[in-house]
Protein backbone atom coordinates (compact mmCIF):
# COMPACT_ATOMS: atom_id res chain seq x y z
CA MET A 1 -21.47 44.96 -2.24
CA ILE A 2 -20.24 41.28 -2.06
CA LEU A 3 -22.24 38.07 -1.53
CA THR A 4 -20.45 34.83 -0.85
CA THR A 5 -21.39 31.08 -0.58
CA GLN A 6 -18.99 28.34 0.16
CA ILE A 7 -19.21 25.23 -2.11
CA GLU A 8 -17.24 22.27 -1.41
CA ASP A 9 -13.58 23.61 -0.87
CA LYS A 10 -14.06 26.95 -2.62
CA THR A 11 -16.22 30.04 -2.17
CA ILE A 12 -18.43 31.47 -4.94
CA VAL A 13 -18.34 35.42 -4.77
CA TRP A 14 -20.82 37.71 -6.42
CA LEU A 15 -19.39 41.26 -7.10
CA LYS A 16 -22.22 43.77 -7.34
CA GLU A 17 -20.51 46.36 -9.29
CA GLN A 18 -19.54 44.08 -12.02
CA ASN A 19 -22.53 41.63 -11.53
CA GLN A 20 -20.01 39.01 -11.88
CA TYR A 21 -19.58 35.44 -10.33
CA ILE A 22 -16.18 34.17 -9.58
CA ILE A 23 -14.79 31.09 -7.86
CA VAL A 24 -11.92 31.85 -5.46
CA GLU A 25 -9.96 30.12 -2.46
CA ASN A 26 -11.72 30.74 0.90
CA ILE A 27 -9.04 33.20 2.11
CA VAL A 28 -9.52 35.27 -0.97
CA SER A 29 -13.22 35.52 -0.09
CA GLU A 30 -12.39 36.70 3.38
CA ILE A 31 -10.06 39.34 2.23
CA LEU A 32 -12.56 40.75 -0.19
CA LEU A 33 -15.21 40.86 2.59
CA GLU A 34 -12.70 42.78 4.86
CA LEU A 35 -11.61 45.08 2.10
CA GLU A 36 -15.29 45.94 1.45
CA LYS A 37 -15.71 46.86 5.19
CA ASN A 38 -12.57 49.06 4.95
CA THR A 39 -10.91 47.06 7.50
CA ASP A 40 -7.17 48.26 8.45
CA ILE A 41 -4.75 46.79 6.18
CA ASP A 42 -2.61 45.39 8.99
CA CYS A 43 -5.53 43.57 10.36
CA ILE A 44 -6.12 42.08 6.84
CA ILE A 45 -2.43 41.13 6.65
CA GLU A 46 -2.70 39.29 9.92
CA LEU A 47 -5.64 37.39 8.72
CA LEU A 48 -3.85 36.39 5.55
CA LYS A 49 -0.68 35.35 7.47
CA SER A 50 -2.66 33.13 9.85
CA ASN A 51 -3.71 31.16 6.67
CA ILE A 52 -0.39 31.52 4.71
CA ASP A 53 3.16 31.73 6.00
CA ILE A 54 4.42 34.75 3.71
CA PRO A 55 6.49 37.75 4.39
CA TYR A 56 4.84 41.10 4.97
CA ASN A 57 5.69 42.60 1.64
CA GLU A 58 4.27 39.54 -0.27
CA ALA A 59 1.10 39.68 1.81
CA LEU A 60 0.79 43.20 0.87
CA THR A 61 1.10 42.38 -2.77
CA PHE A 62 -1.35 39.50 -2.48
CA ILE A 63 -4.03 41.74 -0.77
CA ASP A 64 -3.51 44.45 -3.64
CA ASP A 65 -3.94 41.79 -6.18
CA VAL A 66 -7.25 40.81 -4.44
CA ARG A 67 -8.44 44.37 -4.37
CA LEU A 68 -8.18 44.53 -8.17
CA LEU A 69 -11.10 42.19 -8.21
CA LEU A 70 -13.21 45.00 -6.71
CA LYS A 71 -12.38 47.45 -9.29
CA LYS A 72 -15.10 48.11 -11.87
CA GLU A 73 -13.94 48.41 -15.55
CA ASP A 74 -15.19 51.58 -17.21
CA SER A 75 -17.58 50.85 -19.98
CA ASP A 76 -16.97 52.82 -23.09
CA THR A 77 -19.84 51.06 -25.05
CA PRO A 78 -21.53 53.93 -26.85
CA LYS A 79 -25.26 54.34 -26.44
CA ILE A 80 -27.01 53.32 -29.68
CA GLU A 81 -29.79 55.76 -30.48
CA LEU A 82 -33.26 54.85 -31.65
CA GLN A 83 -33.65 55.14 -35.32
CA PRO A 84 -36.57 56.87 -36.91
CA VAL A 85 -39.64 54.66 -36.71
CA PRO A 86 -40.85 53.51 -40.29
CA ASN A 87 -44.25 54.43 -41.53
CA TYR A 88 -44.80 51.09 -42.96
CA PHE A 89 -44.21 47.42 -42.13
CA ASP A 90 -43.98 44.55 -44.46
CA PHE A 91 -45.32 42.01 -41.95
CA GLU A 92 -47.70 42.13 -39.09
CA LYS A 93 -48.16 38.89 -37.11
CA TYR A 94 -50.56 38.32 -34.22
CA TYR A 95 -49.70 35.84 -31.49
CA LYS A 96 -51.98 34.44 -28.64
CA ILE A 97 -49.97 33.48 -25.53
CA ASN A 98 -51.50 32.85 -22.08
CA GLY A 99 -54.61 34.42 -23.35
CA LEU A 100 -52.95 37.70 -24.41
CA ILE A 101 -52.84 38.86 -27.96
CA PHE A 102 -49.51 40.38 -29.15
CA LEU A 103 -49.34 42.33 -32.35
CA VAL A 104 -45.60 42.30 -33.66
CA GLU A 105 -44.76 44.65 -36.54
CA PHE A 106 -41.78 43.53 -38.68
CA LEU A 107 -40.15 45.90 -41.13
CA SER A 108 -38.95 43.11 -43.45
CA GLU A 109 -38.28 39.42 -43.89
CA TYR A 110 -35.07 39.79 -42.09
CA GLU A 111 -36.56 40.94 -38.84
CA LEU A 112 -39.23 38.37 -39.26
CA SER A 113 -36.74 35.62 -39.39
CA LEU A 114 -35.19 36.58 -36.14
CA ILE A 115 -38.62 35.94 -34.15
CA HIS A 116 -41.21 34.27 -36.07
CA PRO A 117 -40.04 30.69 -36.65
CA LYS A 118 -40.03 29.89 -32.81
CA PHE A 119 -43.58 31.58 -32.42
CA ALA A 120 -45.33 30.45 -35.63
CA HIS A 121 -47.32 27.87 -33.78
CA LEU A 122 -48.92 30.66 -31.70
CA GLU A 123 -50.16 32.87 -34.61
CA VAL A 124 -53.73 33.74 -34.97
CA THR A 125 -55.63 35.66 -37.51
CA SER A 126 -55.80 39.41 -37.40
CA GLN A 127 -57.40 40.64 -34.09
CA ILE A 128 -59.38 43.89 -33.51
CA SER A 129 -58.40 44.04 -29.89
CA ILE A 130 -54.81 43.51 -28.67
CA ASP A 131 -52.95 43.56 -25.47
CA HIS A 132 -49.41 44.55 -26.56
CA LYS A 133 -47.85 45.82 -29.59
CA TYR A 134 -44.18 45.06 -30.46
CA THR A 135 -42.46 46.87 -33.20
CA VAL A 136 -39.07 45.57 -34.68
CA PHE A 137 -37.12 47.18 -37.46
CA LEU A 138 -33.60 47.35 -38.96
CA LYS A 139 -32.31 50.60 -40.20
CA ASN A 140 -28.68 51.59 -40.69
CA ASP A 141 -27.61 48.20 -39.49
CA ILE A 142 -29.10 48.97 -36.27
CA ILE A 143 -31.96 46.76 -34.91
CA SER A 144 -34.71 48.83 -32.84
CA PHE A 145 -37.29 47.36 -30.55
CA LEU A 146 -40.44 49.12 -29.18
CA VAL A 147 -43.20 47.90 -26.91
CA ASP A 148 -46.31 49.65 -26.98
CA ASN A 149 -44.64 52.57 -28.57
CA GLU A 150 -41.98 52.73 -25.91
CA ASN A 151 -38.42 52.53 -26.88
CA ILE A 152 -36.87 49.33 -25.25
CA GLY A 153 -33.42 49.23 -26.93
CA SER A 154 -31.25 49.26 -30.21
CA TRP A 155 -28.59 46.83 -31.08
CA ILE A 156 -26.06 46.64 -34.00
CA LYS A 157 -27.05 44.08 -36.41
CA SER A 158 -24.12 41.75 -35.62
CA GLU A 159 -25.47 41.55 -32.13
CA SER A 160 -29.01 40.52 -32.89
CA HIS A 161 -28.93 37.78 -30.35
CA TYR A 162 -29.16 40.60 -27.55
CA PHE A 163 -32.32 41.82 -29.14
CA GLN A 164 -33.75 38.36 -29.38
CA GLY A 165 -33.10 37.92 -25.72
CA LYS A 166 -34.83 41.16 -24.87
CA PHE A 167 -37.73 40.22 -26.97
CA SER A 168 -38.11 37.04 -25.18
CA MET A 169 -37.68 38.66 -21.86
CA LYS A 170 -40.71 40.98 -22.62
CA ILE A 171 -42.83 37.96 -23.62
CA ILE A 172 -41.94 36.49 -20.27
CA GLU A 173 -42.68 39.87 -18.31
CA HIS A 174 -46.16 40.25 -19.90
CA THR A 175 -47.28 36.40 -19.92
CA HIS A 176 -46.24 35.87 -16.33
CA LYS A 177 -46.90 39.38 -15.04
CA HIS A 178 -43.55 39.87 -13.51
CA ASP A 179 -41.09 42.63 -14.39
CA GLU A 180 -37.45 42.09 -15.53
CA ASN A 181 -36.14 42.85 -12.03
CA GLU A 182 -38.23 40.10 -10.40
CA TRP A 183 -36.29 37.28 -12.45
CA MET A 184 -33.39 35.57 -10.84
CA GLY A 185 -31.97 34.68 -14.17
CA ILE A 186 -32.53 33.08 -17.73
CA PHE A 187 -30.75 29.83 -18.41
CA HIS A 188 -29.57 28.18 -21.80
CA ALA A 189 -31.06 24.85 -21.08
CA SER A 190 -34.19 22.55 -21.75
CA ALA A 191 -36.69 22.59 -18.83
CA VAL A 192 -38.41 19.25 -18.56
CA ALA A 193 -41.42 18.73 -16.20
CA ASP A 194 -42.97 15.69 -14.60
CA ASN A 195 -45.97 16.75 -12.68
CA ASP A 196 -44.55 19.17 -9.86
CA SER A 197 -40.78 18.51 -10.46
CA CYS A 198 -38.53 19.84 -12.92
CA ILE A 199 -35.04 19.16 -14.30
CA LEU A 200 -32.77 21.41 -16.29
CA PHE A 201 -31.02 19.67 -19.18
CA LEU A 202 -27.90 21.74 -20.08
CA GLY A 203 -24.95 21.33 -22.51
CA ASP A 204 -23.16 22.84 -25.49
CA SER A 205 -25.09 23.41 -28.81
CA GLY A 206 -25.23 20.01 -30.59
CA ASN A 207 -25.08 17.86 -27.43
CA GLY A 208 -28.71 16.90 -27.86
CA LYS A 209 -30.58 18.97 -25.33
CA SER A 210 -33.52 19.67 -27.54
CA THR A 211 -33.65 16.31 -29.05
CA SER A 212 -33.71 14.67 -25.51
CA LEU A 213 -36.42 17.14 -24.64
CA ALA A 214 -38.52 16.10 -27.61
CA LEU A 215 -37.93 12.33 -26.79
CA LEU A 216 -39.05 12.93 -23.13
CA GLN A 217 -42.05 14.87 -24.13
CA ALA A 218 -43.23 11.95 -26.42
CA ASN A 219 -42.81 9.75 -23.35
CA GLY A 220 -45.15 11.48 -20.99
CA PHE A 221 -43.00 14.44 -19.83
CA SER A 222 -43.81 18.32 -20.38
CA CYS A 223 -41.68 20.85 -22.11
CA LEU A 224 -41.62 23.96 -19.96
CA ALA A 225 -38.95 25.76 -22.04
CA ASP A 226 -36.28 25.16 -24.65
CA ASP A 227 -33.15 27.28 -24.86
CA PHE A 228 -34.71 30.13 -22.72
CA VAL A 229 -35.59 28.92 -19.16
CA PRO A 230 -36.77 31.87 -16.97
CA ILE A 231 -36.70 31.31 -13.02
CA LEU A 232 -38.55 33.71 -10.84
CA SER A 233 -36.47 35.06 -7.88
CA LYS A 234 -38.96 35.12 -5.09
CA THR A 235 -40.15 31.49 -5.40
CA ARG A 236 -36.99 30.31 -7.30
CA THR A 237 -39.45 28.26 -9.68
CA VAL A 238 -39.06 27.67 -13.36
CA HIS A 239 -41.66 29.32 -15.45
CA SER A 240 -42.81 28.22 -18.89
CA PHE A 241 -41.52 29.75 -22.03
CA PRO A 242 -43.82 29.13 -25.09
CA SER A 243 -41.18 29.02 -28.00
CA ALA A 244 -41.06 25.82 -30.23
CA ILE A 245 -38.42 23.29 -29.69
CA SER A 246 -35.51 23.56 -32.05
CA ILE A 247 -34.92 20.28 -33.95
CA LYS A 248 -31.65 19.88 -35.92
CA LYS A 249 -31.82 18.12 -39.25
CA ASN A 250 -29.83 15.18 -37.97
CA SER A 251 -32.27 14.51 -35.39
CA LEU A 252 -35.22 14.05 -37.71
CA PRO A 253 -34.86 10.20 -38.45
CA VAL A 254 -35.42 9.55 -34.89
CA LEU A 255 -38.27 12.05 -34.17
CA LEU A 256 -40.27 11.76 -37.37
CA THR A 257 -41.71 8.54 -36.22
CA LEU A 258 -42.94 10.26 -32.82
CA TYR A 259 -43.77 13.49 -34.42
CA PRO A 260 -44.92 13.07 -37.96
CA GLU A 261 -45.98 16.71 -38.20
CA LEU A 262 -42.05 17.57 -38.33
CA GLN A 263 -42.19 16.24 -42.01
CA ASN A 264 -44.18 19.26 -43.12
CA GLN A 265 -42.52 21.83 -40.98
CA ALA A 266 -40.55 24.62 -42.59
CA GLU A 267 -36.77 24.25 -42.60
CA TYR A 268 -34.58 27.14 -41.62
CA HIS A 269 -31.12 27.63 -42.45
CA PHE A 270 -28.74 29.42 -39.96
CA GLU A 271 -25.45 29.90 -41.77
CA LYS A 272 -23.72 31.69 -38.96
CA LEU A 273 -24.54 28.79 -36.52
CA ASN A 274 -24.06 26.20 -39.27
CA LYS A 275 -27.18 24.23 -38.52
CA ILE A 276 -30.44 23.67 -40.36
CA VAL A 277 -33.50 23.30 -37.93
CA ARG A 278 -37.09 22.83 -37.79
CA TYR A 279 -39.52 23.76 -34.93
CA LEU A 280 -41.63 21.44 -32.88
CA PRO A 281 -44.42 23.24 -30.96
CA PRO A 282 -44.47 22.12 -27.23
CA LYS A 283 -47.63 20.24 -26.07
CA LYS A 284 -50.38 22.54 -24.84
CA GLY A 285 -51.63 23.02 -21.32
CA ILE A 286 -48.56 24.13 -19.35
CA LEU A 287 -48.08 27.92 -20.36
CA ASP A 288 -49.14 29.05 -16.85
CA LYS A 289 -46.99 26.40 -14.93
CA GLN A 290 -44.31 27.36 -12.30
CA ILE A 291 -42.34 24.41 -11.05
CA GLU A 292 -39.36 23.87 -8.50
CA CYS A 293 -36.14 22.58 -10.02
CA LYS A 294 -33.66 20.66 -7.77
CA LYS A 295 -31.52 19.00 -10.40
CA LEU A 296 -29.18 19.99 -13.30
CA VAL A 297 -28.11 17.43 -15.98
CA PHE A 298 -25.31 18.04 -18.25
CA ILE A 299 -26.38 15.91 -21.10
CA LYS A 300 -24.46 14.78 -24.14
CA TYR A 301 -25.28 12.33 -26.97
CA GLU A 302 -22.23 10.31 -27.97
CA LYS A 303 -22.47 7.83 -30.70
CA ASP A 304 -21.90 4.20 -29.52
CA SER A 305 -21.12 5.16 -26.00
CA GLU A 306 -22.42 3.31 -23.02
CA LEU A 307 -24.96 5.43 -20.72
CA GLN A 308 -22.96 7.17 -18.02
CA LEU A 309 -24.78 9.06 -15.29
CA ASN A 310 -22.52 10.62 -12.62
CA LYS A 311 -22.86 13.28 -9.92
CA ILE A 312 -20.52 16.07 -10.66
CA SER A 313 -18.85 18.74 -8.55
CA LYS A 314 -21.04 21.72 -8.07
CA LEU A 315 -18.07 23.83 -8.79
CA GLU A 316 -17.71 22.12 -12.24
CA ALA A 317 -21.45 22.53 -12.85
CA PHE A 318 -21.18 26.23 -11.91
CA LYS A 319 -18.51 26.82 -14.38
CA GLN A 320 -20.56 25.49 -17.18
CA LEU A 321 -23.87 27.01 -16.08
CA ILE A 322 -22.77 30.69 -15.73
CA PRO A 323 -21.15 31.59 -19.23
CA ASP A 324 -24.45 31.06 -21.15
CA SER A 325 -26.73 32.36 -18.42
CA TRP A 326 -28.23 35.90 -17.96
CA LEU A 327 -28.35 36.72 -14.19
CA SER A 328 -30.06 39.53 -12.35
CA PRO A 329 -27.90 42.42 -11.25
CA HIS A 330 -30.05 43.01 -8.15
CA PRO A 331 -28.69 41.92 -4.72
CA GLU A 332 -31.71 40.19 -3.69
CA ASN A 333 -31.96 38.04 -6.90
CA ALA A 334 -28.07 37.24 -6.75
CA LYS A 335 -28.59 35.95 -3.11
CA ASN A 336 -31.67 33.86 -4.27
CA PHE A 337 -29.55 32.49 -7.11
CA LEU A 338 -26.66 31.34 -4.78
CA ASP A 339 -29.12 29.97 -2.31
CA TRP A 340 -30.87 28.08 -5.16
CA PHE A 341 -27.70 26.74 -6.66
CA GLU A 342 -26.44 25.51 -3.25
CA GLU A 343 -29.53 23.40 -2.86
CA LEU A 344 -29.05 21.57 -6.48
CA THR A 345 -27.87 18.13 -7.25
CA CYS A 346 -25.77 18.05 -10.53
CA TYR A 347 -25.25 15.14 -12.90
CA SER A 348 -23.47 14.39 -16.07
CA LEU A 349 -25.33 12.13 -18.48
CA ILE A 350 -23.67 10.69 -21.60
CA TYR A 351 -25.86 8.41 -23.75
CA SER A 352 -26.44 6.92 -27.27
CA ASN A 353 -29.30 4.75 -26.57
CA ASN A 354 -32.61 6.76 -26.41
CA GLU A 355 -34.58 4.13 -24.34
CA LYS A 356 -31.89 4.19 -21.70
CA MET A 357 -31.80 7.84 -21.51
CA ILE A 358 -35.64 7.91 -21.03
CA ALA A 359 -35.37 5.36 -18.50
CA THR A 360 -32.69 6.92 -16.54
CA SER A 361 -34.63 10.36 -16.75
CA LYS A 362 -37.56 8.64 -15.16
CA LYS A 363 -35.46 7.59 -12.42
CA LEU A 364 -34.02 10.94 -11.84
CA PHE A 365 -37.35 12.41 -11.56
CA ALA A 366 -38.42 9.59 -9.15
CA ASP A 367 -35.37 10.08 -6.96
CA GLU A 368 -34.49 6.39 -7.59
CA LEU A 369 -30.64 7.04 -8.35
């Protein structure tokens, strides 16, 4: 199955078998659709030659190259079996999220370090009654994850980020009461809300997404989600995710005056990522929010730069958005994603002055730019 949408002078194609999005010339998209329908090859060649004046044999080679896009690569990734569940866990943590009580069992301090720092602000004392039990343990360099005693998956230790993503997805499923197959995608962004509108701020690690989010929150905006932004397919709305905001050490001088509580927050060293962070709890009261998003802003803090806000090509935005996103493999959700993206306005924002960044963000929310 193939889905297509034309953006500017190109076509974005979704290939169901690979759950892959590619940007191609419009004629390539047309050929893909004809190949999917098993159209006679000579008819496809005529279609191609009506767009490009090339000899028959070259047209045939061109079509064969396009056909390769439809070929699904065989996956030889071995399935990782669930390890025996331990009888004892060093840590039991209780978290209260959206009125639900989660008990999470961590085998050791290592497993605790993967999850607890971002959720510590939601910790409550031991509870007699719980809604869900999550079990996390590392054995034989394999991380295993169970929910309510059901095996969810196992991952090798070096790919612990996949486990963290699945853990967060389960939190989303339970707190918002929508299964994984109902979500359009999860985006590596900061979701900022102002009443009934939302903007996603995106950018590479270190570009200032989370710092900008913290600054905006201190100036009247709400944090819907940081780093893990879920969008429901049916409504195409951003939903809240309750983890804390990740604040890098070099942002502390700016933020401590706004958030003095950061002074006493624990500091975490992530050697593989080469960063030291503290976690800032988002302001309460928005955990049940779901808000439309019509703008993407690719933000970057650049020392001593003048503020630059520019509309950017949607194709450029798409290329930056896709690599760090999880996108649903279900056709209905893929169509909703393409329809949602088509309606977005995309910007690039470079800044060094925090006040100017905040003022510009206010104008973006108010549609004054």
